[in-house]
Amino acid sequence: FSSRRRHTRYISVTGVQTCALPISSGINEGPELGIDGKDSIIRVIASRPQPGMSQEQIVNGFLNASASSDNDFAIARDYLVPDKKDNWNPSTSIEVYEGQAQIQVVKEGEVSFTAALNSTIDEESRINISEPDEQLQKKFTLIRVNDEWRIDLDFDGLIISKTDLNRSFSIYPIWFVDPTSSYLVPENVILPKSVSANATRLMQLLLNGPSKNFNSSVVTGFPEGSALGIDSVPISNGVATVTLNEAVLKAENKNREILSAQIVKTLTRIPGVSSIQIKVGTQNLNVPNSSLIQNASTWEKYYSDAFRENNPYLISNQKVYQLVDDKFVDIPRSEINLLNWSFGTSNRQENLYALVNPEKTQLNVFDYRNNSLKKYAYQIGLFKNPVIDVFDYIWFISDGQIQVQKDGKILNVDLAKFDEVNVIEVIPAPDGVRILLIVRTVYGTELRIGNVIRKDQVITITNIRKVIRDGFSVSEASWADEANILYIDKAQEITSIFSLDSFTAISNKLYEISGAIDVSASSKQRVLIEKNDGTILERVAGDWKLIPNSSSINFPN
């Protein structure tokens, strides 16, 4: 947008690739899991007001033209009265509606607008998904200007349909880092597709830091006062050149690595950007362990999926195994192999194990860290299967309460104004900051995402938000990678398995499988689905392979 107004930030859709897959008995399949990741630019052709347009046509034309941000929404402004044409600020917020809107003349000079509210986008460019029954209602005042109707708009911001939003705007993750400076963590922002300077805008947003909803759970590698030294990020032959001011030179070596990783991970999401050059003035920024031109692989050590390579665990005949090359392999821990279990998992280093007894009344922790064995047992009610996050915190649900165990201690959990008894499952993300919740609401069982704050002996889950507007019969879920979630929805007679892109909030049905009760996946592994008949389905080379006499499949997180 023009420099006289604040930058506007919005959302888009990146589709999931569709593959033709073989059909097995009881299994119906949709698009294969995967993300294109490269948005195509679709220009919205907005129409200027024509002579003799009715009041409804003027309002409808204004709403359609609002999808085109070209020349600071020049065409949409043509529908407004002269003083509002120059003063309307579309950048304050966006209200997104879906379905068929009702536009009616209430009386001469007044038109009402009513539609289902899909979502809102705030002034920090963050999207908030609405509840299913929320409505968007607006009143438009019209007056005659040179004998033609024009809108005397009395509010700022945009009203736009979900369809127009999807084809006109793009969502981009900008990346910060967890408080231990171990892994990058995304926060989504929204930009118009038609704006050519997205690299510049993304850098400005990144340098502004996390939003108020994220700033307690993530940090940044940029020193205070960091800004662009040149208010432009040019792109040439796939290389984006970022010129920063001298405040960046205050960063120590570790933070120089982190801020470089933040920049690379953020900007290489842009179509056509494959590598980054970082400068201060005319000189290249000296960053340890990197070349002058950096690409996505340069900072792989800060990517939460980079080393998530463990083989999955399963239970067969009440023994815990790992599935390695289609074989059940004993885990190398004799103390565990001698006992019977209904579930077992480990951390990524495979030196911390969480296991549940056959009656599902006791959680057992076997801690082999520090070259010694410590054992803990907790008899506090029926368990949902535990998950060990990337920082070795063990998460589980017991007696309807979220429990977290760390180094032999049960920590207090605060859900920050969210009703804990309505949480029926917790699944930490690979980065350890975001956490997926399955919650019970008046609409059914839904997905939410929150942010984890770890302080002393208290775990706080903040910013609990909807990640998708539909999906009200969710029973299980799993992080496939840093962006994608797989979940089971039992709304229909045949159970459905969906993929959900947590960046774009796009959900696609992958499979319909009778009797599916759990799903697990990993970015470097395959999809595994547990059925209620004591078998597991393994996705191999586009087909399903049956693993008999097995249950409780899971990949270490």
Protein backbone atom coordinates (compact mmCIF):
# COMPACT_ATOMS: atom_id res chain seq x y z
CA PHE A 1 0.00 0.00 0.00
CA SER A 2 1.03 3.61 -0.27
CA SER A 3 3.41 5.09 2.26
CA ARG A 4 0.76 7.43 3.64
CA ARG A 5 -1.02 4.47 5.25
CA ARG A 6 0.00 1.68 7.52
CA HIS A 7 0.91 -1.63 5.92
CA THR A 8 -1.97 -4.06 5.56
CA ARG A 9 -1.42 -7.79 6.17
CA TYR A 10 -3.69 -10.66 5.16
CA ILE A 11 -4.26 -14.45 4.40
CA SER A 12 -4.04 -16.86 1.45
CA VAL A 13 -4.34 -20.50 0.60
CA THR A 14 -1.63 -22.93 -0.43
CA GLY A 15 -3.24 -26.07 -1.83
CA VAL A 16 -2.52 -29.70 -1.10
CA GLN A 17 -1.39 -31.74 -4.08
CA THR A 18 -3.84 -34.34 -5.35
CA CYS A 19 -2.61 -37.83 -6.23
CA ALA A 20 -4.47 -40.79 -7.70
CA LEU A 21 -4.07 -43.59 -5.17
CA PRO A 22 -5.14 -47.24 -5.10
CA ILE A 23 -8.26 -48.06 -3.13
CA SER A 24 -8.32 -50.82 -0.52
CA SER A 25 -11.40 -52.37 1.03
CA GLY A 26 -12.98 -49.99 3.53
CA ILE A 27 -10.63 -47.17 2.57
CA ASN A 28 -11.55 -44.12 0.52
CA GLU A 29 -8.78 -41.66 -0.26
CA GLY A 30 -8.48 -37.95 -0.95
CA PRO A 31 -5.50 -35.71 -1.64
CA GLU A 32 -2.15 -37.08 -0.54
CA LEU A 33 -0.49 -35.22 2.30
CA GLY A 34 1.83 -32.49 1.03
CA ILE A 35 2.04 -28.76 0.49
CA ASP A 36 3.00 -26.91 -2.64
CA GLY A 37 4.32 -24.00 -0.59
CA LYS A 38 4.54 -21.66 -3.59
CA ASP A 39 1.63 -19.31 -4.06
CA SER A 40 0.66 -18.28 -7.55
CA ILE A 41 -0.41 -14.69 -8.09
CA ILE A 42 -4.03 -14.40 -9.19
CA ARG A 43 -4.95 -10.86 -10.02
CA VAL A 44 -8.44 -9.77 -9.06
CA ILE A 45 -10.02 -7.71 -11.83
CA ALA A 46 -12.10 -5.13 -9.98
CA SER A 47 -14.74 -3.08 -11.80
CA ARG A 48 -15.22 0.65 -11.35
CA PRO A 49 -18.73 1.99 -10.62
CA GLN A 50 -20.88 2.40 -13.71
CA PRO A 51 -23.55 5.08 -14.34
CA GLY A 52 -26.99 4.23 -13.06
CA MET A 53 -25.96 1.56 -10.56
CA SER A 54 -28.50 0.85 -7.81
CA GLN A 55 -27.73 1.13 -4.11
CA GLU A 56 -27.30 -2.66 -3.81
CA GLN A 57 -25.03 -2.71 -6.86
CA ILE A 58 -22.85 0.03 -5.42
CA VAL A 59 -22.40 -1.83 -2.11
CA ASN A 60 -21.77 -5.12 -3.89
CA GLY A 61 -19.30 -3.45 -6.26
CA PHE A 62 -17.43 -1.89 -3.36
CA LEU A 63 -17.14 -5.25 -1.59
CA ASN A 64 -15.90 -6.98 -4.75
CA ALA A 65 -13.39 -4.20 -5.44
CA SER A 66 -12.05 -4.50 -1.88
CA ALA A 67 -10.32 -7.72 -2.98
CA SER A 68 -7.94 -5.68 -5.15
CA SER A 69 -5.25 -3.80 -3.24
CA ASP A 70 -3.77 -2.31 -6.43
CA ASN A 71 -2.82 1.36 -6.08
CA ASP A 72 -3.98 1.47 -2.47
CA PHE A 73 -7.45 0.09 -3.24
CA ALA A 74 -8.00 2.76 -5.87
CA ILE A 75 -11.02 1.10 -7.47
CA ALA A 76 -12.76 0.41 -4.16
CA ARG A 77 -12.26 4.08 -3.25
CA ASP A 78 -14.19 5.12 -6.38
CA TYR A 79 -17.36 3.78 -4.72
CA LEU A 80 -17.00 6.21 -1.78
CA VAL A 81 -18.07 9.83 -1.36
CA PRO A 82 -15.20 12.29 -2.06
CA ASP A 83 -14.14 12.98 1.55
CA LYS A 84 -14.16 9.27 2.46
CA LYS A 85 -12.39 8.33 -0.77
CA ASP A 86 -9.16 9.83 0.54
CA ASN A 87 -9.63 9.21 4.27
CA TRP A 88 -10.78 5.58 4.33
CA ASN A 89 -8.07 3.42 5.95
CA PRO A 90 -8.45 -0.22 4.87
CA SER A 91 -5.41 -1.32 6.88
CA THR A 92 -6.91 -1.28 10.38
CA SER A 93 -8.54 -4.72 10.18
CA ILE A 94 -10.28 -7.21 7.92
CA GLU A 95 -13.59 -8.97 8.52
CA VAL A 96 -13.93 -12.08 6.40
CA TYR A 97 -17.34 -13.51 5.53
CA GLU A 98 -18.28 -16.75 3.83
CA GLY A 99 -21.25 -18.09 1.94
CA GLN A 100 -23.93 -15.95 0.37
CA ALA A 101 -24.22 -12.47 1.84
CA GLN A 102 -27.57 -10.70 2.07
CA ILE A 103 -27.53 -7.12 0.82
CA GLN A 104 -30.83 -5.31 1.25
CA VAL A 105 -32.08 -1.75 0.94
CA VAL A 106 -33.53 -0.84 4.33
CA LYS A 107 -34.65 2.55 3.08
CA GLU A 108 -33.38 5.07 0.60
CA GLY A 109 -29.79 5.83 1.49
CA GLU A 110 -29.35 2.84 3.79
CA VAL A 111 -28.27 -0.69 2.83
CA SER A 112 -27.78 -3.58 5.25
CA PHE A 113 -25.22 -6.36 4.88
CA THR A 114 -25.42 -9.72 6.70
CA ALA A 115 -23.26 -12.82 6.27
CA ALA A 116 -21.63 -15.62 8.25
CA LEU A 117 -18.41 -14.34 9.85
CA ASN A 118 -15.50 -16.60 8.94
CA SER A 119 -12.64 -14.77 10.64
CA THR A 120 -11.13 -11.43 11.54
CA ILE A 121 -7.63 -10.11 10.92
CA ASP A 122 -6.30 -7.58 13.40
CA GLU A 123 -3.98 -4.62 12.96
CA GLU A 124 -1.00 -6.86 13.71
CA SER A 125 -1.90 -9.00 10.68
CA ARG A 126 -2.94 -12.00 12.78
CA ILE A 127 -6.06 -13.99 11.98
CA ASN A 128 -8.71 -15.05 14.48
CA ILE A 129 -11.10 -17.76 13.33
CA SER A 130 -14.74 -17.24 14.29
CA GLU A 131 -17.21 -19.59 15.90
CA PRO A 132 -19.74 -21.26 13.55
CA ASP A 133 -22.72 -19.15 14.63
CA GLU A 134 -21.04 -15.72 14.49
CA GLN A 135 -22.53 -13.21 12.06
CA LEU A 136 -21.11 -10.16 10.32
CA GLN A 137 -23.60 -7.28 10.15
CA LYS A 138 -22.90 -3.88 8.63
CA LYS A 139 -24.89 -0.80 7.71
CA PHE A 140 -23.92 1.27 4.67
CA THR A 141 -25.09 4.85 4.28
CA LEU A 142 -25.34 6.10 0.68
CA ILE A 143 -25.81 9.58 -0.71
CA ARG A 144 -26.08 11.04 -4.17
CA VAL A 145 -22.94 12.50 -5.74
CA ASN A 146 -23.49 14.02 -9.20
CA ASP A 147 -26.74 12.03 -9.32
CA GLU A 148 -24.94 8.72 -8.67
CA TRP A 149 -25.03 6.67 -5.46
CA ARG A 150 -21.84 6.64 -3.42
CA ILE A 151 -21.07 5.17 0.02
CA ASP A 152 -20.60 7.51 2.98
CA LEU A 153 -18.51 4.91 4.81
CA ASP A 154 -18.43 5.31 8.58
CA PHE A 155 -15.86 2.61 9.41
CA ASP A 156 -12.29 1.73 8.46
CA GLY A 157 -10.96 -1.69 7.55
CA LEU A 158 -11.99 -4.19 4.89
CA ILE A 159 -14.95 -6.50 4.45
CA ILE A 160 -14.02 -9.31 2.11
CA SER A 161 -15.35 -12.73 1.17
CA LYS A 162 -13.38 -15.85 2.00
CA THR A 163 -13.22 -16.67 -1.71
CA ASP A 164 -11.69 -13.30 -2.57
CA LEU A 165 -9.37 -13.52 0.40
CA ASN A 166 -8.10 -16.92 -0.70
CA ARG A 167 -7.23 -15.77 -4.20
CA SER A 168 -5.95 -12.30 -3.36
CA PHE A 169 -3.87 -12.71 -0.19
CA SER A 170 -1.18 -15.02 1.14
CA ILE A 171 -0.31 -16.23 4.59
CA TYR A 172 3.35 -16.37 5.58
CA PRO A 173 4.93 -17.70 8.76
CA ILE A 174 7.51 -15.40 10.29
CA TRP A 175 9.93 -17.18 12.57
CA PHE A 176 11.07 -16.47 16.10
CA VAL A 177 12.86 -18.81 18.52
CA ASP A 178 11.92 -20.59 21.73
CA PRO A 179 13.32 -19.13 24.98
CA THR A 180 16.14 -21.70 25.09
CA SER A 181 17.27 -20.59 21.61
CA SER A 182 16.96 -24.17 20.35
CA TYR A 183 14.22 -24.16 17.71
CA LEU A 184 12.49 -21.73 15.42
CA VAL A 185 8.78 -21.15 16.05
CA PRO A 186 6.31 -19.72 13.48
CA GLU A 187 3.76 -16.96 13.84
CA ASN A 188 1.52 -16.34 10.84
CA VAL A 189 1.02 -12.98 9.13
CA ILE A 190 -1.03 -12.06 6.09
CA LEU A 191 -0.08 -10.06 3.00
CA PRO A 192 -1.76 -9.18 -0.30
CA LYS A 193 -0.60 -11.41 -3.14
CA SER A 194 -0.50 -8.51 -5.55
CA VAL A 195 2.09 -6.61 -3.50
CA SER A 196 5.54 -7.11 -5.06
CA ALA A 197 7.41 -6.00 -1.94
CA ASN A 198 6.47 -8.94 0.30
CA ALA A 199 10.10 -9.57 1.21
CA THR A 200 10.39 -6.03 2.57
CA ARG A 201 7.12 -6.26 4.47
CA LEU A 202 8.01 -9.62 5.98
CA MET A 203 11.35 -8.27 7.18
CA GLN A 204 9.62 -5.26 8.74
CA LEU A 205 7.19 -7.55 10.55
CA LEU A 206 10.01 -9.86 11.66
CA LEU A 207 12.00 -6.94 13.03
CA ASN A 208 8.90 -5.65 14.86
CA GLY A 209 9.00 -8.85 16.91
CA PRO A 210 6.27 -11.26 17.96
CA SER A 211 2.71 -10.12 18.55
CA LYS A 212 1.39 -9.51 22.05
CA ASN A 213 -0.08 -13.04 22.03
CA PHE A 214 3.31 -14.61 21.28
CA ASN A 215 5.83 -12.40 23.04
CA SER A 216 5.79 -14.36 26.30
CA SER A 217 6.49 -17.70 24.60
CA VAL A 218 9.14 -16.81 22.00
CA VAL A 219 12.13 -14.49 21.67
CA THR A 220 14.13 -13.04 18.80
CA GLY A 221 17.81 -12.97 17.94
CA PHE A 222 17.69 -9.32 16.87
CA PRO A 223 19.14 -6.79 19.34
CA GLU A 224 16.96 -3.89 20.42
CA GLY A 225 16.91 -1.14 17.82
CA SER A 226 17.44 -3.48 14.87
CA ALA A 227 15.83 -2.27 11.65
CA LEU A 228 16.32 -2.30 7.92
CA GLY A 229 19.21 -0.11 6.88
CA ILE A 230 17.63 0.25 3.45
CA ASP A 231 13.83 0.16 3.34
CA SER A 232 13.81 -2.47 0.62
CA VAL A 233 14.70 -6.15 0.23
CA PRO A 234 15.59 -6.60 -3.44
CA ILE A 235 15.49 -10.05 -5.03
CA SER A 236 17.81 -10.98 -7.89
CA ASN A 237 18.33 -14.46 -9.36
CA GLY A 238 16.65 -16.04 -6.32
CA VAL A 239 18.80 -14.17 -3.78
CA ALA A 240 17.09 -11.75 -1.38
CA THR A 241 19.48 -9.12 -0.03
CA VAL A 242 18.65 -7.88 3.47
CA THR A 243 20.49 -4.75 4.58
CA LEU A 244 20.25 -4.10 8.33
CA ASN A 245 21.29 -1.13 10.45
CA GLU A 246 24.30 -1.10 12.75
CA ALA A 247 22.28 -2.09 15.83
CA VAL A 248 22.53 -5.68 14.59
CA LEU A 249 26.29 -5.60 15.22
CA LYS A 250 25.53 -5.74 18.96
CA ALA A 251 24.38 -9.36 18.55
CA GLU A 252 26.73 -12.01 19.92
CA ASN A 253 27.69 -14.95 17.70
CA LYS A 254 24.85 -17.19 18.88
CA ASN A 255 22.25 -14.51 18.24
CA ARG A 256 23.76 -13.78 14.85
CA GLU A 257 23.12 -17.39 13.93
CA ILE A 258 19.57 -17.20 15.26
CA LEU A 259 18.63 -13.94 13.55
CA SER A 260 20.11 -15.29 10.31
CA ALA A 261 18.04 -18.46 10.68
CA GLN A 262 14.94 -16.32 11.31
CA ILE A 263 15.54 -14.32 8.14
CA VAL A 264 16.31 -17.35 5.96
CA LYS A 265 13.34 -19.39 7.20
CA THR A 266 10.98 -16.43 6.76
CA LEU A 267 12.04 -15.18 3.34
CA THR A 268 12.60 -18.50 1.58
CA ARG A 269 8.85 -19.11 1.90
CA ILE A 270 8.39 -16.45 -0.80
CA PRO A 271 8.10 -17.92 -4.31
CA GLY A 272 11.33 -17.32 -6.20
CA VAL A 273 13.52 -16.78 -3.13
CA SER A 274 16.00 -19.60 -2.55
CA SER A 275 18.83 -17.91 -0.65
CA ILE A 276 19.65 -14.84 1.43
CA GLN A 277 22.50 -12.36 1.71
CA ILE A 278 22.63 -10.32 4.94
CA LYS A 279 24.50 -7.03 5.03
CA VAL A 280 25.10 -4.10 7.34
CA GLY A 281 25.63 -1.05 5.19
CA THR A 282 27.82 -2.17 2.31
CA GLN A 283 29.51 -4.99 4.26
CA ASN A 284 28.34 -8.57 4.70
CA LEU A 285 27.29 -9.41 8.26
CA ASN A 286 29.82 -11.75 9.82
CA VAL A 287 27.85 -14.81 10.95
CA PRO A 288 29.63 -17.89 12.37
CA ASN A 289 29.12 -21.22 10.61
CA SER A 290 27.71 -19.74 7.44
CA SER A 291 28.73 -18.57 4.00
CA LEU A 292 27.95 -15.14 2.59
CA ILE A 293 24.94 -16.60 0.76
CA GLN A 294 22.70 -18.58 3.09
CA ASN A 295 19.91 -21.01 2.19
CA ALA A 296 17.40 -23.17 4.03
CA SER A 297 19.92 -25.93 4.74
CA THR A 298 22.39 -23.50 6.39
CA TRP A 299 20.44 -23.37 9.64
CA GLU A 300 18.85 -26.80 9.70
CA LYS A 301 19.98 -27.27 13.29
CA TYR A 302 17.36 -24.71 14.38
CA TYR A 303 14.51 -26.46 12.53
CA SER A 304 12.36 -28.54 14.86
CA ASP A 305 11.81 -31.26 12.24
CA ALA A 306 15.46 -31.61 11.23
CA PHE A 307 16.37 -34.47 13.56
CA ARG A 308 12.99 -36.10 14.06
CA GLU A 309 14.07 -39.41 12.57
CA ASN A 310 13.09 -42.04 15.17
CA ASN A 311 11.32 -45.23 14.17
CA PRO A 312 7.77 -45.54 15.52
CA TYR A 313 6.78 -47.47 18.63
CA LEU A 314 3.92 -49.97 18.87
CA ILE A 315 2.50 -52.60 21.19
CA SER A 316 2.14 -56.27 20.24
CA ASN A 317 1.12 -58.94 22.75
CA GLN A 318 1.55 -56.32 25.51
CA LYS A 319 5.21 -55.78 24.63
CA VAL A 320 6.66 -52.54 23.30
CA TYR A 321 8.61 -52.59 20.04
CA GLN A 322 9.95 -50.27 17.42
CA LEU A 323 8.87 -50.80 13.83
CA VAL A 324 12.10 -50.97 11.80
CA ASP A 325 12.00 -52.00 8.13
CA ASP A 326 8.65 -53.73 8.70
CA LYS A 327 10.03 -55.75 11.62
CA PHE A 328 9.19 -55.60 15.33
CA VAL A 329 12.47 -54.78 17.08
CA ASP A 330 12.98 -54.91 20.85
CA ILE A 331 14.01 -51.63 22.38
CA PRO A 332 17.49 -51.92 23.96
CA ARG A 333 16.23 -51.61 27.55
CA SER A 334 15.86 -54.94 29.37
CA GLU A 335 13.99 -53.42 32.32
CA ILE A 336 11.23 -52.31 29.94
CA ASN A 337 11.16 -55.45 27.79
CA LEU A 338 10.44 -57.70 30.78
CA LEU A 339 7.14 -55.96 31.59
CA ASN A 340 3.75 -55.73 29.91
CA TRP A 341 2.46 -52.44 28.51
CA SER A 342 -0.49 -50.89 26.71
CA PHE A 343 1.54 -47.95 25.36
CA GLY A 344 5.16 -46.86 25.09
CA THR A 345 7.07 -43.92 23.68
CA SER A 346 10.42 -42.15 24.10
CA ASN A 347 12.11 -38.83 23.57
CA ARG A 348 14.16 -38.23 20.41
CA GLN A 349 17.39 -39.31 22.11
CA GLU A 350 15.73 -42.60 23.18
CA ASN A 351 17.00 -42.26 26.74
CA LEU A 352 13.70 -41.22 28.36
CA TYR A 353 10.65 -43.50 28.13
CA ALA A 354 7.01 -43.08 29.13
CA LEU A 355 4.94 -46.26 29.31
CA VAL A 356 1.42 -47.13 30.46
CA ASN A 357 0.46 -50.38 32.20
CA PRO A 358 -2.06 -52.76 30.57
CA GLU A 359 -4.89 -51.51 32.82
CA LYS A 360 -4.13 -47.90 31.80
CA THR A 361 -4.02 -46.82 35.43
CA GLN A 362 -0.30 -46.20 35.90
CA LEU A 363 2.27 -44.10 34.05
CA ASN A 364 5.83 -45.40 34.31
CA VAL A 365 8.83 -43.25 33.46
CA PHE A 366 12.23 -44.83 32.79
CA ASP A 367 14.94 -42.18 32.72
CA TYR A 368 18.31 -43.34 31.35
CA ARG A 369 19.78 -39.89 30.98
CA ASN A 370 23.05 -39.16 32.77
CA ASN A 371 24.11 -42.80 32.25
CA SER A 372 21.95 -44.12 35.07
CA LEU A 373 18.40 -45.36 35.49
CA LYS A 374 15.75 -43.52 37.46
CA LYS A 375 12.20 -44.87 37.60
CA TYR A 376 8.99 -43.03 38.47
CA ALA A 377 5.44 -44.34 38.69
CA TYR A 378 2.21 -42.34 38.90
CA GLN A 379 -1.09 -43.96 39.83
CA ILE A 380 -3.51 -41.14 39.32
CA GLY A 381 -6.33 -42.38 37.10
CA LEU A 382 -7.04 -43.49 33.57
CA PHE A 383 -4.54 -42.13 31.07
CA LYS A 384 -4.64 -40.76 27.62
CA ASN A 385 -1.39 -41.79 26.01
CA PRO A 386 1.57 -39.63 27.09
CA VAL A 387 3.74 -37.55 24.76
CA ILE A 388 7.33 -36.48 25.47
CA ASP A 389 8.11 -33.09 23.97
CA VAL A 390 11.42 -31.95 22.54
CA PHE A 391 12.50 -30.57 25.95
CA ASP A 392 11.78 -33.89 27.74
CA TYR A 393 8.57 -32.76 29.43
CA ILE A 394 6.05 -35.61 29.59
CA TRP A 395 2.46 -34.56 28.81
CA PHE A 396 -0.65 -36.63 29.52
CA ILE A 397 -4.29 -36.44 30.54
CA SER A 398 -5.31 -38.11 33.79
CA ASP A 399 -8.71 -37.91 35.49
CA GLY A 400 -9.68 -35.18 33.04
CA GLN A 401 -6.71 -32.99 33.97
CA ILE A 402 -3.61 -32.00 32.02
CA GLN A 403 -0.51 -33.34 33.74
CA VAL A 404 3.12 -32.52 32.99
CA GLN A 405 6.06 -34.44 34.44
CA LYS A 406 9.63 -33.14 34.36
CA ASP A 407 12.60 -34.79 36.06
CA GLY A 408 10.42 -36.71 38.47
CA LYS A 409 8.16 -33.80 39.43
CA ILE A 410 4.55 -33.14 38.47
CA LEU A 411 4.25 -29.49 37.44
CA ASN A 412 1.33 -27.15 37.87
CA VAL A 413 -0.55 -26.36 34.63
CA ASP A 414 -2.38 -23.08 34.08
CA LEU A 415 -4.60 -22.79 31.01
CA ALA A 416 -4.96 -19.01 31.30
CA LYS A 417 -8.76 -18.61 31.49
CA PHE A 418 -9.52 -21.75 29.44
CA ASP A 419 -11.59 -24.45 31.15
CA GLU A 420 -9.17 -27.32 31.68
CA VAL A 421 -11.87 -29.95 32.15
CA ASN A 422 -12.85 -29.47 28.50
CA VAL A 423 -9.38 -30.52 27.26
CA ILE A 424 -9.37 -34.18 26.25
CA GLU A 425 -5.97 -34.43 24.54
CA VAL A 426 -2.65 -32.50 24.47
CA ILE A 427 -0.11 -32.92 21.66
CA PRO A 428 3.04 -30.74 21.80
CA ALA A 429 4.38 -29.45 18.49
CA PRO A 430 7.90 -30.44 17.37
CA ASP A 431 9.16 -26.98 18.37
CA GLY A 432 8.03 -27.37 22.00
CA VAL A 433 6.29 -23.98 22.08
CA ARG A 434 3.05 -24.60 20.24
CA ILE A 435 0.69 -27.23 21.58
CA LEU A 436 -2.30 -28.86 19.93
CA LEU A 437 -5.39 -29.39 22.09
CA ILE A 438 -8.50 -31.42 21.43
CA VAL A 439 -11.23 -29.65 23.39
CA ARG A 440 -14.87 -30.25 24.12
CA THR A 441 -17.13 -27.31 23.20
CA VAL A 442 -20.84 -26.74 22.69
CA TYR A 443 -20.25 -27.64 19.04
CA GLY A 444 -18.48 -30.95 19.68
CA THR A 445 -14.79 -31.90 19.96
CA GLU A 446 -12.50 -29.45 18.17
CA LEU A 447 -8.86 -28.56 17.60
CA ARG A 448 -7.18 -25.62 19.28
CA ILE A 449 -3.56 -24.44 19.33
CA GLY A 450 -1.95 -22.74 22.30
CA ASN A 451 1.50 -21.48 23.29
CA VAL A 452 3.50 -23.00 26.13
CA ILE A 453 5.31 -20.84 28.68
CA ARG A 454 7.65 -22.71 31.05
CA LYS A 455 8.59 -20.96 34.27
CA ASP A 456 9.93 -22.62 37.40
CA GLN A 457 7.43 -25.30 38.38
CA VAL A 458 4.50 -23.87 36.41
CA ILE A 459 3.44 -24.55 32.83
CA THR A 460 1.13 -21.93 31.34
CA ILE A 461 -0.74 -22.48 28.08
CA THR A 462 -1.68 -19.12 26.59
CA ASN A 463 -3.22 -17.77 23.40
CA ILE A 464 -5.50 -20.78 22.95
CA ARG A 465 -7.09 -20.26 19.56
CA LYS A 466 -9.07 -22.00 16.87
CA VAL A 467 -6.95 -23.45 14.12
CA ILE A 468 -9.82 -24.44 11.84
CA ARG A 469 -13.43 -23.29 11.67
CA ASP A 470 -15.04 -26.70 11.12
CA GLY A 471 -14.25 -30.21 12.40
CA PHE A 472 -16.47 -30.92 15.41
CA SER A 473 -15.93 -34.66 15.93
CA VAL A 474 -12.16 -34.80 16.35
CA SER A 475 -10.98 -37.80 18.37
CA GLU A 476 -7.20 -37.97 17.81
CA ALA A 477 -4.47 -35.85 16.24
CA SER A 478 -0.76 -35.90 15.48
CA TRP A 479 1.85 -33.42 14.25
CA ALA A 480 3.16 -34.70 10.93
CA ASP A 481 5.75 -31.90 10.78
CA GLU A 482 6.21 -28.26 11.84
CA ALA A 483 3.27 -27.15 9.68
CA ASN A 484 0.94 -30.10 9.14
CA ILE A 485 -1.42 -31.87 11.50
CA LEU A 486 -3.21 -35.14 10.86
CA TYR A 487 -6.48 -35.67 12.70
CA ILE A 488 -9.32 -38.17 12.91
CA ASP A 489 -12.89 -36.93 12.57
CA LYS A 490 -15.78 -39.29 13.36
CA ALA A 491 -18.63 -37.12 12.12
CA GLN A 492 -19.60 -39.71 9.50
CA GLU A 493 -20.25 -43.44 9.70
CA ILE A 494 -16.87 -44.12 8.11
CA THR A 495 -14.04 -42.44 10.01
CA SER A 496 -12.18 -39.73 8.11
CA ILE A 497 -8.51 -38.79 8.34
CA PHE A 498 -7.73 -35.17 7.48
CA SER A 499 -4.57 -33.17 6.94
CA LEU A 500 -4.53 -29.63 8.29
CA ASP A 501 -1.99 -26.99 7.31
CA SER A 502 -1.55 -24.96 10.50
CA PHE A 503 -0.12 -22.07 8.46
CA THR A 504 -3.02 -21.66 6.03
CA ALA A 505 -5.78 -23.37 8.07
CA ILE A 506 -6.61 -25.50 5.02
CA SER A 507 -8.02 -28.92 5.83
CA ASN A 508 -8.18 -31.75 3.30
CA LYS A 509 -9.68 -35.19 3.68
CA LEU A 510 -6.98 -37.75 2.96
CA TYR A 511 -8.66 -41.07 3.66
CA GLU A 512 -11.87 -42.70 4.85
CA ILE A 513 -11.03 -45.81 6.87
CA SER A 514 -13.60 -47.90 8.71
CA GLY A 515 -12.59 -48.46 12.31
CA ALA A 516 -9.70 -45.97 12.40
CA ILE A 517 -9.03 -44.89 16.00
CA ASP A 518 -5.60 -43.23 15.92
CA VAL A 519 -3.12 -41.67 13.49
CA SER A 520 0.58 -40.92 13.71
CA ALA A 521 3.08 -39.42 11.30
CA SER A 522 6.52 -37.83 11.14
CA SER A 523 8.11 -35.55 8.58
CA LYS A 524 10.82 -38.07 7.70
CA GLN A 525 8.62 -41.16 8.06
CA ARG A 526 5.28 -42.50 6.86
CA VAL A 527 1.65 -42.28 7.90
CA LEU A 528 0.42 -44.97 10.30
CA ILE A 529 -3.22 -45.55 11.25
CA GLU A 530 -4.44 -47.74 14.07
CA LYS A 531 -7.75 -49.60 13.67
CA ASN A 532 -10.10 -50.94 16.30
CA ASP A 533 -9.49 -54.55 15.23
CA GLY A 534 -5.95 -54.72 16.62
CA THR A 535 -4.18 -53.87 13.37
CA ILE A 536 -2.18 -50.94 12.01
CA LEU A 537 -2.18 -49.64 8.44
CA GLU A 538 1.15 -48.37 7.14
CA ARG A 539 1.30 -46.07 4.12
CA VAL A 540 4.04 -47.38 1.81
CA ALA A 541 4.68 -46.18 -1.75
CA GLY A 542 1.12 -44.99 -2.27
CA ASP A 543 -0.55 -48.12 -0.91
CA TRP A 544 -1.56 -49.54 2.47
CA LYS A 545 0.27 -52.35 4.21
CA LEU A 546 -1.43 -54.24 7.04
CA ILE A 547 0.49 -54.80 10.30
CA PRO A 548 -1.46 -57.42 12.31
CA ASN A 549 -1.66 -57.88 16.06
CA SER A 550 -0.47 -54.37 16.87
CA SER A 551 -1.70 -51.18 18.52
CA SER A 552 -0.69 -47.88 20.16
CA ILE A 553 1.38 -46.65 17.22
CA ASN A 554 3.33 -43.43 17.75
CA PHE A 555 6.38 -41.51 16.60
CA PRO A 556 8.55 -39.76 19.19
CA ASN A 557 7.77 -36.06 19.14
